[in-house]
Amino acid sequence: MAEAGRKAKRILIGIVGGLVVIIGIIMIPYPGPGWVVVFAGLAILATEFPWAQRVLDYGKGKYDAWDAWLNNQNEWIRLFFIALTTTIVIGTVWLINGYGIINSFLGLHWDWMQSPIPFFR
C-alpha cells in the first residue's frame, strides 16, 4: 500500500510541476515572473525527479549568464531586447484576440483589432 501512495505522490508532483513549468514558459515574454514560475515548476519536479534538479541548476546558470551579458551591453542593445519583448507581447495579445475583446466592449468595430485566427474570435 505504501508503494501505491508513493507512486500517486510522484505522479501528482509530475503533473503539478509540469503544469507550473508550462505556465511559466507561456509567461516568459510577458512582464512578470515567467522565469521565476519556470524555476518554481522545476523545483517542484526536483523533489521527486533527479533530472529536474540538473535541468534547474543548468537553467539557473544560463539565466544568470544571460542576465550578466545583457547588463554588460550598451543601452541600444538593451533597448533592442526591450522592443523585441514588447513586440512579442503586443503580437500575441492580438493573436489571442485580447484587443478584439476590448474592441467589442468599447463598441469600436475596428476590424483590424480582431485576431486573424478564427478560433480566437
PDB file of N, CA and C in Angstrom:
ATOM      1  N   MET A   1       0.821  -1.197   0.000  1.00  0.00           N
ATOM      2  CA  MET A   1       0.000   0.000   0.000  1.00  0.00           C
ATOM      3  C   MET A   1       0.866   1.263   0.000  1.00  0.00           C
ATOM      4  N   ALA A   2       1.978   1.206   0.722  1.00  0.00           N
ATOM      5  CA  ALA A   2       2.862   2.375   0.769  1.00  0.00           C
ATOM      6  C   ALA A   2       3.440   2.672  -0.611  1.00  0.00           C
ATOM      7  N   GLU A   3       3.684   1.626  -1.379  1.00  0.00           N
ATOM      8  CA  GLU A   3       4.219   1.811  -2.738  1.00  0.00           C
ATOM      9  C   GLU A   3       3.213   2.546  -3.618  1.00  0.00           C
ATOM     10  N   ALA A   4       1.929   2.236  -3.483  1.00  0.00           N
ATOM     11  CA  ALA A   4       0.887   2.910  -4.279  1.00  0.00           C
ATOM     12  C   ALA A   4       0.806   4.386  -3.915  1.00  0.00           C
ATOM     13  N   GLY A   5       0.936   4.673  -2.622  1.00  0.00           N
ATOM     14  CA  GLY A   5       0.921   6.076  -2.188  1.00  0.00           C
ATOM     15  C   GLY A   5       2.114   6.847  -2.715  1.00  0.00           C
ATOM     16  N   ARG A   6       3.247   6.187  -2.718  1.00  0.00           N
ATOM     17  CA  ARG A   6       4.482   6.813  -3.241  1.00  0.00           C
ATOM     18  C   ARG A   6       4.349   7.105  -4.736  1.00  0.00           C
ATOM     19  N   LYS A   7       3.788   6.151  -5.473  1.00  0.00           N
ATOM     20  CA  LYS A   7       3.587   6.352  -6.909  1.00  0.00           C
ATOM     21  C   LYS A   7       2.586   7.472  -7.175  1.00  0.00           C
ATOM     22  N   ALA A   8       1.510   7.505  -6.386  1.00  0.00           N
ATOM     23  CA  ALA A   8       0.496   8.553  -6.547  1.00  0.00           C
ATOM     24  C   ALA A   8       1.108   9.931  -6.279  1.00  0.00           C
ATOM     25  N   LYS A   9       1.938  10.011  -5.228  1.00  0.00           N
ATOM     26  CA  LYS A   9       2.611  11.276  -4.916  1.00  0.00           C
ATOM     27  C   LYS A   9       3.530  11.693  -6.062  1.00  0.00           C
ATOM     28  N   ARG A  10       4.270  10.749  -6.590  1.00  0.00           N
ATOM     29  CA  ARG A  10       5.200  11.019  -7.692  1.00  0.00           C
ATOM     30  C   ARG A  10       4.449  11.503  -8.931  1.00  0.00           C
ATOM     31  N   ILE A  11       3.319  10.866  -9.236  1.00  0.00           N
ATOM     32  CA  ILE A  11       2.510  11.275 -10.388  1.00  0.00           C
ATOM     33  C   ILE A  11       1.945  12.672 -10.166  1.00  0.00           C
ATOM     34  N   LEU A  12       1.429  12.936  -8.958  1.00  0.00           N
ATOM     35  CA  LEU A  12       0.871  14.259  -8.651  1.00  0.00           C
ATOM     36  C   LEU A  12       1.937  15.345  -8.770  1.00  0.00           C
ATOM     37  N   ILE A  13       3.123  15.075  -8.234  1.00  0.00           N
ATOM     38  CA  ILE A  13       4.218  16.055  -8.337  1.00  0.00           C
ATOM     39  C   ILE A  13       4.599  16.255  -9.801  1.00  0.00           C
ATOM     40  N   GLY A  14       4.619  15.199 -10.583  1.00  0.00           N
ATOM     41  CA  GLY A  14       4.931  15.318 -12.008  1.00  0.00           C
ATOM     42  C   GLY A  14       3.916  16.170 -12.744  1.00  0.00           C
ATOM     43  N   ILE A  15       2.643  15.969 -12.446  1.00  0.00           N
ATOM     44  CA  ILE A  15       1.584  16.737 -13.108  1.00  0.00           C
ATOM     45  C   ILE A  15       1.634  18.206 -12.681  1.00  0.00           C
ATOM     46  N   VAL A  16       1.671  18.451 -11.379  1.00  0.00           N
ATOM     47  CA  VAL A  16       1.674  19.831 -10.877  1.00  0.00           C
ATOM     48  C   VAL A  16       2.933  20.565 -11.344  1.00  0.00           C
ATOM     49  N   GLY A  17       4.088  19.948 -11.168  1.00  0.00           N
ATOM     50  CA  GLY A  17       5.337  20.584 -11.596  1.00  0.00           C
ATOM     51  C   GLY A  17       5.363  20.838 -13.088  1.00  0.00           C
ATOM     52  N   GLY A  18       4.885  19.869 -13.867  1.00  0.00           N
ATOM     53  CA  GLY A  18       4.839  20.045 -15.323  1.00  0.00           C
ATOM     54  C   GLY A  18       3.928  21.185 -15.739  1.00  0.00           C
ATOM     55  N   LEU A  19       2.756  21.275 -15.106  1.00  0.00           N
ATOM     56  CA  LEU A  19       1.835  22.381 -15.421  1.00  0.00           C
ATOM     57  C   LEU A  19       2.432  23.734 -15.054  1.00  0.00           C
ATOM     58  N   VAL A  20       3.103  23.810 -13.906  1.00  0.00           N
ATOM     59  CA  VAL A  20       3.733  25.072 -13.498  1.00  0.00           C
ATOM     60  C   VAL A  20       4.824  25.465 -14.497  1.00  0.00           C
ATOM     61  N   VAL A  21       5.623  24.504 -14.947  1.00  0.00           N
ATOM     62  CA  VAL A  21       6.661  24.795 -15.947  1.00  0.00           C
ATOM     63  C   VAL A  21       6.023  25.306 -17.244  1.00  0.00           C
ATOM     64  N   ILE A  22       4.973  24.646 -17.712  1.00  0.00           N
ATOM     65  CA  ILE A  22       4.310  25.061 -18.958  1.00  0.00           C
ATOM     66  C   ILE A  22       3.737  26.470 -18.827  1.00  0.00           C
ATOM     67  N   ILE A  23       3.083  26.753 -17.711  1.00  0.00           N
ATOM     68  CA  ILE A  23       2.534  28.100 -17.489  1.00  0.00           C
ATOM     69  C   ILE A  23       3.668  29.119 -17.459  1.00  0.00           C
ATOM     70  N   GLY A  24       4.766  28.786 -16.810  1.00  0.00           N
ATOM     71  CA  GLY A  24       5.912  29.698 -16.759  1.00  0.00           C
ATOM     72  C   GLY A  24       6.497  29.959 -18.131  1.00  0.00           C
ATOM     73  N   ILE A  25       6.587  28.926 -18.962  1.00  0.00           N
ATOM     74  CA  ILE A  25       7.121  29.103 -20.318  1.00  0.00           C
ATOM     75  C   ILE A  25       6.219  30.043 -21.111  1.00  0.00           C
ATOM     76  N   ILE A  26       4.919  29.895 -20.962  1.00  0.00           N
ATOM     77  CA  ILE A  26       3.984  30.797 -21.644  1.00  0.00           C
ATOM     78  C   ILE A  26       4.171  32.227 -21.161  1.00  0.00           C
ATOM     79  N   MET A  27       4.484  32.389 -19.878  1.00  0.00           N
ATOM     80  CA  MET A  27       4.628  33.725 -19.282  1.00  0.00           C
ATOM     81  C   MET A  27       5.959  34.407 -19.585  1.00  0.00           C
ATOM     82  N   ILE A  28       6.950  33.688 -20.070  1.00  0.00           N
ATOM     83  CA  ILE A  28       8.299  34.245 -20.214  1.00  0.00           C
ATOM     84  C   ILE A  28       8.334  35.584 -20.962  1.00  0.00           C
ATOM     85  N   PRO A  29       7.703  35.725 -22.129  1.00  0.00           N
ATOM     86  CA  PRO A  29       7.862  37.012 -22.822  1.00  0.00           C
ATOM     87  C   PRO A  29       7.055  38.153 -22.225  1.00  0.00           C
ATOM     88  N   TYR A  30       6.202  37.874 -21.277  1.00  0.00           N
ATOM     89  CA  TYR A  30       5.334  38.912 -20.721  1.00  0.00           C
ATOM     90  C   TYR A  30       5.947  39.531 -19.481  1.00  0.00           C
ATOM     91  N   PRO A  31       5.575  40.764 -19.211  1.00  0.00           N
ATOM     92  CA  PRO A  31       6.073  41.386 -17.983  1.00  0.00           C
ATOM     93  C   PRO A  31       5.617  40.561 -16.777  1.00  0.00           C
ATOM     94  N   GLY A  32       6.520  40.286 -15.914  1.00  0.00           N
ATOM     95  CA  GLY A  32       6.177  39.499 -14.742  1.00  0.00           C
ATOM     96  C   GLY A  32       7.146  38.357 -14.525  1.00  0.00           C
ATOM     97  N   PRO A  33       6.762  37.452 -13.697  1.00  0.00           N
ATOM     98  CA  PRO A  33       7.705  36.438 -13.212  1.00  0.00           C
ATOM     99  C   PRO A  33       7.750  35.147 -14.018  1.00  0.00           C
ATOM    100  N   GLY A  34       7.808  35.210 -15.333  1.00  0.00           N
ATOM    101  CA  GLY A  34       7.809  33.990 -16.139  1.00  0.00           C
ATOM    102  C   GLY A  34       8.911  33.025 -15.776  1.00  0.00           C
ATOM    103  N   TRP A  35      10.145  33.505 -15.705  1.00  0.00           N
ATOM    104  CA  TRP A  35      11.265  32.614 -15.382  1.00  0.00           C
ATOM    105  C   TRP A  35      11.171  32.111 -13.952  1.00  0.00           C
ATOM    106  N   VAL A  36      10.681  32.946 -13.048  1.00  0.00           N
ATOM    107  CA  VAL A  36      10.525  32.504 -11.660  1.00  0.00           C
ATOM    108  C   VAL A  36       9.548  31.334 -11.593  1.00  0.00           C
ATOM    109  N   VAL A  37       8.469  31.414 -12.369  1.00  0.00           N
ATOM    110  CA  VAL A  37       7.472  30.342 -12.387  1.00  0.00           C
ATOM    111  C   VAL A  37       8.072  29.071 -12.998  1.00  0.00           C
ATOM    112  N   VAL A  38       8.852  29.215 -14.074  1.00  0.00           N
ATOM    113  CA  VAL A  38       9.518  28.045 -14.665  1.00  0.00           C
ATOM    114  C   VAL A  38      10.435  27.387 -13.634  1.00  0.00           C
ATOM    115  N   PHE A  39      11.242  28.188 -12.957  1.00  0.00           N
ATOM    116  CA  PHE A  39      12.163  27.633 -11.965  1.00  0.00           C
ATOM    117  C   PHE A  39      11.395  27.027 -10.782  1.00  0.00           C
ATOM    118  N   ALA A  40      10.271  27.619 -10.409  1.00  0.00           N
ATOM    119  CA  ALA A  40       9.441  27.048  -9.337  1.00  0.00           C
ATOM    120  C   ALA A  40       8.902  25.682  -9.758  1.00  0.00           C
ATOM    121  N   GLY A  41       8.447  25.577 -10.999  1.00  0.00           N
ATOM    122  CA  GLY A  41       7.965  24.290 -11.502  1.00  0.00           C
ATOM    123  C   GLY A  41       9.054  23.243 -11.516  1.00  0.00           C
ATOM    124  N   LEU A  42      10.240  23.643 -11.927  1.00  0.00           N
ATOM    125  CA  LEU A  42      11.370  22.702 -11.916  1.00  0.00           C
ATOM    126  C   LEU A  42      11.740  22.308 -10.484  1.00  0.00           C
ATOM    127  N   ALA A  43      11.629  23.252  -9.551  1.00  0.00           N
ATOM    128  CA  ALA A  43      11.920  22.938  -8.149  1.00  0.00           C
ATOM    129  C   ALA A  43      10.897  21.932  -7.606  1.00  0.00           C
ATOM    130  N   ILE A  44       9.636  22.087  -8.001  1.00  0.00           N
ATOM    131  CA  ILE A  44       8.612  21.120  -7.605  1.00  0.00           C
ATOM    132  C   ILE A  44       8.978  19.738  -8.155  1.00  0.00           C
ATOM    133  N   LEU A  45       9.310  19.694  -9.435  1.00  0.00           N
ATOM    134  CA  LEU A  45       9.683  18.419 -10.057  1.00  0.00           C
ATOM    135  C   LEU A  45      10.936  17.825  -9.421  1.00  0.00           C
ATOM    136  N   ALA A  46      11.870  18.687  -9.020  1.00  0.00           N
ATOM    137  CA  ALA A  46      13.146  18.221  -8.463  1.00  0.00           C
ATOM    138  C   ALA A  46      12.969  17.516  -7.119  1.00  0.00           C
ATOM    139  N   THR A  47      11.826  17.696  -6.466  1.00  0.00           N
ATOM    140  CA  THR A  47      11.609  16.985  -5.203  1.00  0.00           C
ATOM    141  C   THR A  47      11.462  15.484  -5.418  1.00  0.00           C
ATOM    142  N   GLU A  48      11.129  15.071  -6.641  1.00  0.00           N
ATOM    143  CA  GLU A  48      10.945  13.651  -6.942  1.00  0.00           C
ATOM    144  C   GLU A  48      11.805  13.134  -8.092  1.00  0.00           C
ATOM    145  N   PHE A  49      12.281  14.042  -8.939  1.00  0.00           N
ATOM    146  CA  PHE A  49      12.979  13.619 -10.153  1.00  0.00           C
ATOM    147  C   PHE A  49      14.367  14.252 -10.201  1.00  0.00           C
ATOM    148  N   PRO A  50      15.431  13.452 -10.080  1.00  0.00           N
ATOM    149  CA  PRO A  50      16.793  13.998 -10.099  1.00  0.00           C
ATOM    150  C   PRO A  50      17.125  14.764 -11.382  1.00  0.00           C
ATOM    151  N   TRP A  51      16.578  14.350 -12.520  1.00  0.00           N
ATOM    152  CA  TRP A  51      16.852  15.054 -13.774  1.00  0.00           C
ATOM    153  C   TRP A  51      16.355  16.494 -13.698  1.00  0.00           C
ATOM    154  N   ALA A  52      15.266  16.730 -12.975  1.00  0.00           N
ATOM    155  CA  ALA A  52      14.718  18.085 -12.871  1.00  0.00           C
ATOM    156  C   ALA A  52      15.670  18.996 -12.099  1.00  0.00           C
ATOM    157  N   GLN A  53      16.351  18.451 -11.104  1.00  0.00           N
ATOM    158  CA  GLN A  53      17.337  19.248 -10.368  1.00  0.00           C
ATOM    159  C   GLN A  53      18.493  19.647 -11.281  1.00  0.00           C
ATOM    160  N   ARG A  54      18.920  18.713 -12.126  1.00  0.00           N
ATOM    161  CA  ARG A  54      20.001  19.029 -13.073  1.00  0.00           C
ATOM    162  C   ARG A  54      19.552  20.104 -14.060  1.00  0.00           C
ATOM    163  N   VAL A  55      18.325  19.990 -14.567  1.00  0.00           N
ATOM    164  CA  VAL A  55      17.793  20.999 -15.504  1.00  0.00           C
ATOM    165  C   VAL A  55      17.659  22.344 -14.799  1.00  0.00           C
ATOM    166  N   LEU A  56      17.190  22.319 -13.547  1.00  0.00           N
ATOM    167  CA  LEU A  56      17.053  23.555 -12.770  1.00  0.00           C
ATOM    168  C   LEU A  56      18.399  24.237 -12.578  1.00  0.00           C
ATOM    169  N   ASP A  57      19.403  23.493 -12.179  1.00  0.00           N
ATOM    170  CA  ASP A  57      20.748  24.059 -11.984  1.00  0.00           C
ATOM    171  C   ASP A  57      21.297  24.617 -13.298  1.00  0.00           C
ATOM    172  N   TYR A  58      21.139  23.863 -14.370  1.00  0.00           N
ATOM    173  CA  TYR A  58      21.612  24.301 -15.680  1.00  0.00           C
ATOM    174  C   TYR A  58      20.867  25.569 -16.115  1.00  0.00           C
ATOM    175  N   GLY A  59      19.552  25.570 -15.982  1.00  0.00           N
ATOM    176  CA  GLY A  59      18.743  26.724 -16.397  1.00  0.00           C
ATOM    177  C   GLY A  59      19.068  27.980 -15.601  1.00  0.00           C
ATOM    178  N   LYS A  60      19.241  27.821 -14.297  1.00  0.00           N
ATOM    179  CA  LYS A  60      19.592  28.983 -13.477  1.00  0.00           C
ATOM    180  C   LYS A  60      20.955  29.543 -13.877  1.00  0.00           C
ATOM    181  N   GLY A  61      21.887  28.651 -14.172  1.00  0.00           N
ATOM    182  CA  GLY A  61      23.204  29.102 -14.612  1.00  0.00           C
ATOM    183  C   GLY A  61      23.140  29.855 -15.931  1.00  0.00           C
ATOM    184  N   LYS A  62      22.370  29.332 -16.882  1.00  0.00           N
ATOM    185  CA  LYS A  62      22.230  30.010 -18.177  1.00  0.00           C
ATOM    186  C   LYS A  62      21.493  31.338 -18.024  1.00  0.00           C
ATOM    187  N   TYR A  63      20.468  31.367 -17.185  1.00  0.00           N
ATOM    188  CA  TYR A  63      19.736  32.615 -16.950  1.00  0.00           C
ATOM    189  C   TYR A  63      20.657  33.666 -16.343  1.00  0.00           C
ATOM    190  N   ASP A  64      21.442  33.276 -15.352  1.00  0.00           N
ATOM    191  CA  ASP A  64      22.377  34.220 -14.729  1.00  0.00           C
ATOM    192  C   ASP A  64      23.408  34.718 -15.734  1.00  0.00           C
ATOM    193  N   ALA A  65      23.890  33.830 -16.607  1.00  0.00           N
ATOM    194  CA  ALA A  65      24.861  34.233 -17.632  1.00  0.00           C
ATOM    195  C   ALA A  65      24.222  35.205 -18.621  1.00  0.00           C
ATOM    196  N   TRP A  66      22.984  34.932 -19.043  1.00  0.00           N
ATOM    197  CA  TRP A  66      22.266  35.830 -19.956  1.00  0.00           C
ATOM    198  C   TRP A  66      22.049  37.198 -19.305  1.00  0.00           C
ATOM    199  N   ASP A  67      21.634  37.201 -18.061  1.00  0.00           N
ATOM    200  CA  ASP A  67      21.390  38.453 -17.346  1.00  0.00           C
ATOM    201  C   ASP A  67      22.676  39.270 -17.226  1.00  0.00           C
ATOM    202  N   ALA A  68      23.772  38.613 -16.896  1.00  0.00           N
ATOM    203  CA  ALA A  68      25.064  39.304 -16.789  1.00  0.00           C
ATOM    204  C   ALA A  68      25.483  39.860 -18.146  1.00  0.00           C
ATOM    205  N   TRP A  69      25.307  39.061 -19.219  1.00  0.00           N
ATOM    206  CA  TRP A  69      25.671  39.523 -20.555  1.00  0.00           C
ATOM    207  C   TRP A  69      24.848  40.747 -20.945  1.00  0.00           C
ATOM    208  N   LEU A  70      23.532  40.662 -20.746  1.00  0.00           N
ATOM    209  CA  LEU A  70      22.660  41.763 -21.136  1.00  0.00           C
ATOM    210  C   LEU A  70      22.973  43.030 -20.347  1.00  0.00           C
ATOM    211  N   ASN A  71      23.252  42.883 -19.067  1.00  0.00           N
ATOM    212  CA  ASN A  71      23.578  44.058 -18.243  1.00  0.00           C
ATOM    213  C   ASN A  71      24.912  44.684 -18.634  1.00  0.00           C
ATOM    214  N   ASN A  72      25.790  43.944 -19.296  1.00  0.00           N
ATOM    215  CA  ASN A  72      27.077  44.486 -19.738  1.00  0.00           C
ATOM    216  C   ASN A  72      27.009  45.117 -21.129  1.00  0.00           C
ATOM    217  N   GLN A  73      25.858  45.037 -21.794  1.00  0.00           N
ATOM    218  CA  GLN A  73      25.719  45.592 -23.134  1.00  0.00           C
ATOM    219  C   GLN A  73      25.383  47.080 -23.062  1.00  0.00           C
ATOM    220  N   ASN A  74      25.616  47.753 -24.198  1.00  0.00           N
ATOM    221  CA  ASN A  74      25.288  49.174 -24.212  1.00  0.00           C
ATOM    222  C   ASN A  74      23.774  49.359 -24.243  1.00  0.00           C
ATOM    223  N   GLU A  75      23.367  50.595 -24.062  1.00  0.00           N
ATOM    224  CA  GLU A  75      21.940  50.925 -23.941  1.00  0.00           C
ATOM    225  C   GLU A  75      21.137  50.518 -25.168  1.00  0.00           C
ATOM    226  N   TRP A  76      21.717  50.607 -26.357  1.00  0.00           N
ATOM    227  CA  TRP A  76      20.989  50.277 -27.585  1.00  0.00           C
ATOM    228  C   TRP A  76      20.647  48.790 -27.670  1.00  0.00           C
ATOM    229  N   ILE A  77      21.552  47.964 -27.237  1.00  0.00           N
ATOM    230  CA  ILE A  77      21.284  46.522 -27.235  1.00  0.00           C
ATOM    231  C   ILE A  77      20.172  46.199 -26.239  1.00  0.00           C
ATOM    232  N   ARG A  78      20.251  46.776 -25.063  1.00  0.00           N
ATOM    233  CA  ARG A  78      19.191  46.540 -24.068  1.00  0.00           C
ATOM    234  C   ARG A  78      17.849  47.061 -24.575  1.00  0.00           C
ATOM    235  N   LEU A  79      17.842  48.213 -25.219  1.00  0.00           N
ATOM    236  CA  LEU A  79      16.596  48.761 -25.779  1.00  0.00           C
ATOM    237  C   LEU A  79      16.053  47.865 -26.895  1.00  0.00           C
ATOM    238  N   PHE A  80      16.946  47.271 -27.687  1.00  0.00           N
ATOM    239  CA  PHE A  80      16.512  46.343 -28.725  1.00  0.00           C
ATOM    240  C   PHE A  80      15.759  45.165 -28.114  1.00  0.00           C
ATOM    241  N   PHE A  81      16.292  44.589 -27.042  1.00  0.00           N
ATOM    242  CA  PHE A  81      15.631  43.453 -26.413  1.00  0.00           C
ATOM    243  C   PHE A  81      14.329  43.852 -25.722  1.00  0.00           C
ATOM    244  N   ILE A  82      14.267  45.064 -25.205  1.00  0.00           N
ATOM    245  CA  ILE A  82      13.002  45.562 -24.657  1.00  0.00           C
ATOM    246  C   ILE A  82      11.980  45.701 -25.774  1.00  0.00           C
ATOM    247  N   ALA A  83      12.397  46.258 -26.917  1.00  0.00           N
ATOM    248  CA  ALA A  83      11.485  46.406 -28.067  1.00  0.00           C
ATOM    249  C   ALA A  83      11.046  45.047 -28.599  1.00  0.00           C
ATOM    250  N   LEU A  84      11.966  44.095 -28.668  1.00  0.00           N
ATOM    251  CA  LEU A  84      11.622  42.751 -29.131  1.00  0.00           C
ATOM    252  C   LEU A  84      10.599  42.092 -28.208  1.00  0.00           C
ATOM    253  N   THR A  85      10.821  42.193 -26.917  1.00  0.00           N
ATOM    254  CA  THR A  85       9.874  41.636 -25.949  1.00  0.00           C
ATOM    255  C   THR A  85       8.517  42.310 -26.062  1.00  0.00           C
ATOM    256  N   THR A  86       8.504  43.632 -26.202  1.00  0.00           N
ATOM    257  CA  THR A  86       7.252  44.377 -26.350  1.00  0.00           C
ATOM    258  C   THR A  86       6.508  43.941 -27.604  1.00  0.00           C
ATOM    259  N   THR A  87       7.231  43.751 -28.698  1.00  0.00           N
ATOM    260  CA  THR A  87       6.621  43.307 -29.953  1.00  0.00           C
ATOM    261  C   THR A  87       5.996  41.920 -29.796  1.00  0.00           C
ATOM    262  N   ILE A  88       6.684  41.027 -29.121  1.00  0.00           N
ATOM    263  CA  ILE A  88       6.152  39.682 -28.886  1.00  0.00           C
ATOM    264  C   ILE A  88       4.875  39.746 -28.059  1.00  0.00           C
ATOM    265  N   VAL A  89       4.880  40.561 -27.026  1.00  0.00           N
ATOM    266  CA  VAL A  89       3.692  40.689 -26.173  1.00  0.00           C
ATOM    267  C   VAL A  89       2.521  41.268 -26.951  1.00  0.00           C
ATOM    268  N   ILE A  90       2.747  42.362 -27.658  1.00  0.00           N
ATOM    269  CA  ILE A  90       1.671  43.001 -28.434  1.00  0.00           C
ATOM    270  C   ILE A  90       1.134  42.031 -29.478  1.00  0.00           C
ATOM    271  N   GLY A  91       2.041  41.335 -30.166  1.00  0.00           N
ATOM    272  CA  GLY A  91       1.624  40.392 -31.202  1.00  0.00           C
ATOM    273  C   GLY A  91       0.813  39.231 -30.666  1.00  0.00           C
ATOM    274  N   THR A  92       1.241  38.654 -29.555  1.00  0.00           N
ATOM    275  CA  THR A  92       0.492  37.509 -29.035  1.00  0.00           C
ATOM    276  C   THR A  92      -0.843  37.919 -28.430  1.00  0.00           C
ATOM    277  N   VAL A  93      -0.904  39.090 -27.807  1.00  0.00           N
ATOM    278  CA  VAL A  93      -2.197  39.570 -27.300  1.00  0.00           C
ATOM    279  C   VAL A  93      -3.157  39.779 -28.464  1.00  0.00           C
ATOM    280  N   TRP A  94      -2.669  40.299 -29.577  1.00  0.00           N
ATOM    281  CA  TRP A  94      -3.508  40.481 -30.774  1.00  0.00           C
ATOM    282  C   TRP A  94      -3.946  39.124 -31.328  1.00  0.00           C
ATOM    283  N   LEU A  95      -2.993  38.170 -31.410  1.00  0.00           N
ATOM    284  CA  LEU A  95      -3.316  36.856 -31.967  1.00  0.00           C
ATOM    285  C   LEU A  95      -4.357  36.101 -31.138  1.00  0.00           C
ATOM    286  N   ILE A  96      -4.349  36.276 -29.819  1.00  0.00           N
ATOM    287  CA  ILE A  96      -5.347  35.585 -28.994  1.00  0.00           C
ATOM    288  C   ILE A  96      -6.589  36.452 -28.773  1.00  0.00           C
ATOM    289  N   ASN A  97      -6.701  37.521 -29.541  1.00  0.00           N
ATOM    290  CA  ASN A  97      -7.880  38.393 -29.594  1.00  0.00           C
ATOM    291  C   ASN A  97      -8.078  39.247 -28.338  1.00  0.00           C
ATOM    292  N   GLY A  98      -7.021  39.555 -27.640  1.00  0.00           N
ATOM    293  CA  GLY A  98      -7.130  40.438 -26.476  1.00  0.00           C
ATOM    294  C   GLY A  98      -7.648  41.811 -26.851  1.00  0.00           C
ATOM    295  N   TYR A  99      -7.166  42.342 -27.974  1.00  0.00           N
ATOM    296  CA  TYR A  99      -7.623  43.662 -28.406  1.00  0.00           C
ATOM    297  C   TYR A  99      -9.028  43.594 -28.976  1.00  0.00           C
ATOM    298  N   GLY A 100      -9.375  42.454 -29.569  1.00  0.00           N
ATOM    299  CA  GLY A 100     -10.724  42.278 -30.102  1.00  0.00           C
ATOM    300  C   GLY A 100     -11.767  42.323 -29.004  1.00  0.00           C
ATOM    301  N   ILE A 101     -11.447  41.785 -27.843  1.00  0.00           N
ATOM    302  CA  ILE A 101     -12.373  41.825 -26.708  1.00  0.00           C
ATOM    303  C   ILE A 101     -12.586  43.270 -26.264  1.00  0.00           C
ATOM    304  N   ILE A 102     -11.508  44.022 -26.177  1.00  0.00           N
ATOM    305  CA  ILE A 102     -11.620  45.443 -25.814  1.00  0.00           C
ATOM    306  C   ILE A 102     -12.394  46.190 -26.888  1.00  0.00           C
ATOM    307  N   ASN A 103     -12.111  45.887 -28.150  1.00  0.00           N
ATOM    308  CA  ASN A 103     -12.793  46.494 -29.283  1.00  0.00           C
ATOM    309  C   ASN A 103     -14.312  46.272 -29.177  1.00  0.00           C
ATOM    310  N   SER A 104     -14.711  45.049 -28.897  1.00  0.00           N
ATOM    311  CA  SER A 104     -16.133  44.732 -28.766  1.00  0.00           C
ATOM    312  C   SER A 104     -16.746  45.429 -27.557  1.00  0.00           C
ATOM    313  N   PHE A 105     -16.025  45.412 -26.449  1.00  0.00           N
ATOM    314  CA  PHE A 105     -16.519  46.029 -25.221  1.00  0.00           C
ATOM    315  C   PHE A 105     -16.767  47.520 -25.413  1.00  0.00           C
ATOM    316  N   LEU A 106     -15.853  48.187 -26.121  1.00  0.00           N
ATOM    317  CA  LEU A 106     -15.993  49.626 -26.350  1.00  0.00           C
ATOM    318  C   LEU A 106     -16.865  49.957 -27.556  1.00  0.00           C
ATOM    319  N   GLY A 107     -17.263  48.938 -28.313  1.00  0.00           N
ATOM    320  CA  GLY A 107     -18.115  49.157 -29.480  1.00  0.00           C
ATOM    321  C   GLY A 107     -17.432  49.922 -30.596  1.00  0.00           C
ATOM    322  N   LEU A 108     -16.139  49.700 -30.787  1.00  0.00           N
ATOM    323  CA  LEU A 108     -15.381  50.459 -31.785  1.00  0.00           C
ATOM    324  C   LEU A 108     -15.570  49.920 -33.206  1.00  0.00           C
ATOM    325  N   HIS A 109     -15.778  48.625 -33.351  1.00  0.00           N
ATOM    326  CA  HIS A 109     -15.972  47.985 -34.660  1.00  0.00           C
ATOM    327  C   HIS A 109     -14.772  48.189 -35.588  1.00  0.00           C
ATOM    328  N   TRP A 110     -13.591  48.127 -35.035  1.00  0.00           N
ATOM    329  CA  TRP A 110     -12.373  48.220 -35.833  1.00  0.00           C
ATOM    330  C   TRP A 110     -11.923  46.795 -36.151  1.00  0.00           C
ATOM    331  N   ASP A 111     -12.100  46.397 -37.401  1.00  0.00           N
ATOM    332  CA  ASP A 111     -11.799  45.028 -37.811  1.00  0.00           C
ATOM    333  C   ASP A 111     -10.332  44.645 -37.607  1.00  0.00           C
ATOM    334  N   TRP A 112      -9.422  45.579 -37.763  1.00  0.00           N
ATOM    335  CA  TRP A 112      -8.008  45.270 -37.658  1.00  0.00           C
ATOM    336  C   TRP A 112      -7.604  44.848 -36.245  1.00  0.00           C
ATOM    337  N   MET A 113      -8.447  45.132 -35.252  1.00  0.00           N
ATOM    338  CA  MET A 113      -8.125  44.736 -33.883  1.00  0.00           C
ATOM    339  C   MET A 113      -8.483  43.279 -33.597  1.00  0.00           C
ATOM    340  N   GLN A 114      -9.274  42.668 -34.478  1.00  0.00           N
ATOM    341  CA  GLN A 114      -9.683  41.286 -34.290  1.00  0.00           C
ATOM    342  C   GLN A 114      -8.525  40.350 -34.641  1.00  0.00           C
ATOM    343  N   SER A 115      -8.431  39.241 -33.949  1.00  0.00           N
ATOM    344  CA  SER A 115      -7.407  38.242 -34.227  1.00  0.00           C
ATOM    345  C   SER A 115      -7.607  37.665 -35.625  1.00  0.00           C
ATOM    346  N   PRO A 116      -6.524  37.410 -36.353  1.00  0.00           N
ATOM    347  CA  PRO A 116      -6.659  36.754 -37.663  1.00  0.00           C
ATOM    348  C   PRO A 116      -6.934  35.256 -37.540  1.00  0.00           C
ATOM    349  N   ILE A 117      -6.868  34.740 -36.321  1.00  0.00           N
ATOM    350  CA  ILE A 117      -7.081  33.313 -36.084  1.00  0.00           C
ATOM    351  C   ILE A 117      -8.551  33.101 -35.710  1.00  0.00           C
ATOM    352  N   PRO A 118      -9.317  32.440 -36.569  1.00  0.00           N
ATOM    353  CA  PRO A 118     -10.756  32.276 -36.319  1.00  0.00           C
ATOM    354  C   PRO A 118     -11.088  31.642 -34.965  1.00  0.00           C
ATOM    355  N   PHE A 119     -10.261  30.741 -34.485  1.00  0.00           N
ATOM    356  CA  PHE A 119     -10.515  30.080 -33.204  1.00  0.00           C
ATOM    357  C   PHE A 119     -10.654  31.081 -32.057  1.00  0.00           C
ATOM    358  N   PHE A 120      -9.916  32.184 -32.111  1.00  0.00           N
ATOM    359  CA  PHE A 120      -9.904  33.149 -31.016  1.00  0.00           C
ATOM    360  C   PHE A 120     -10.948  34.255 -31.158  1.00  0.00           C
ATOM    361  N   ARG A 121     -11.636  34.311 -32.281  1.00  0.00           N
ATOM    362  CA  ARG A 121     -12.640  35.378 -32.461  1.00  0.00           C
ATOM    363  C   ARG A 121     -13.906  35.091 -31.735  1.00  0.00           C
TER     364      ARG A 121
END
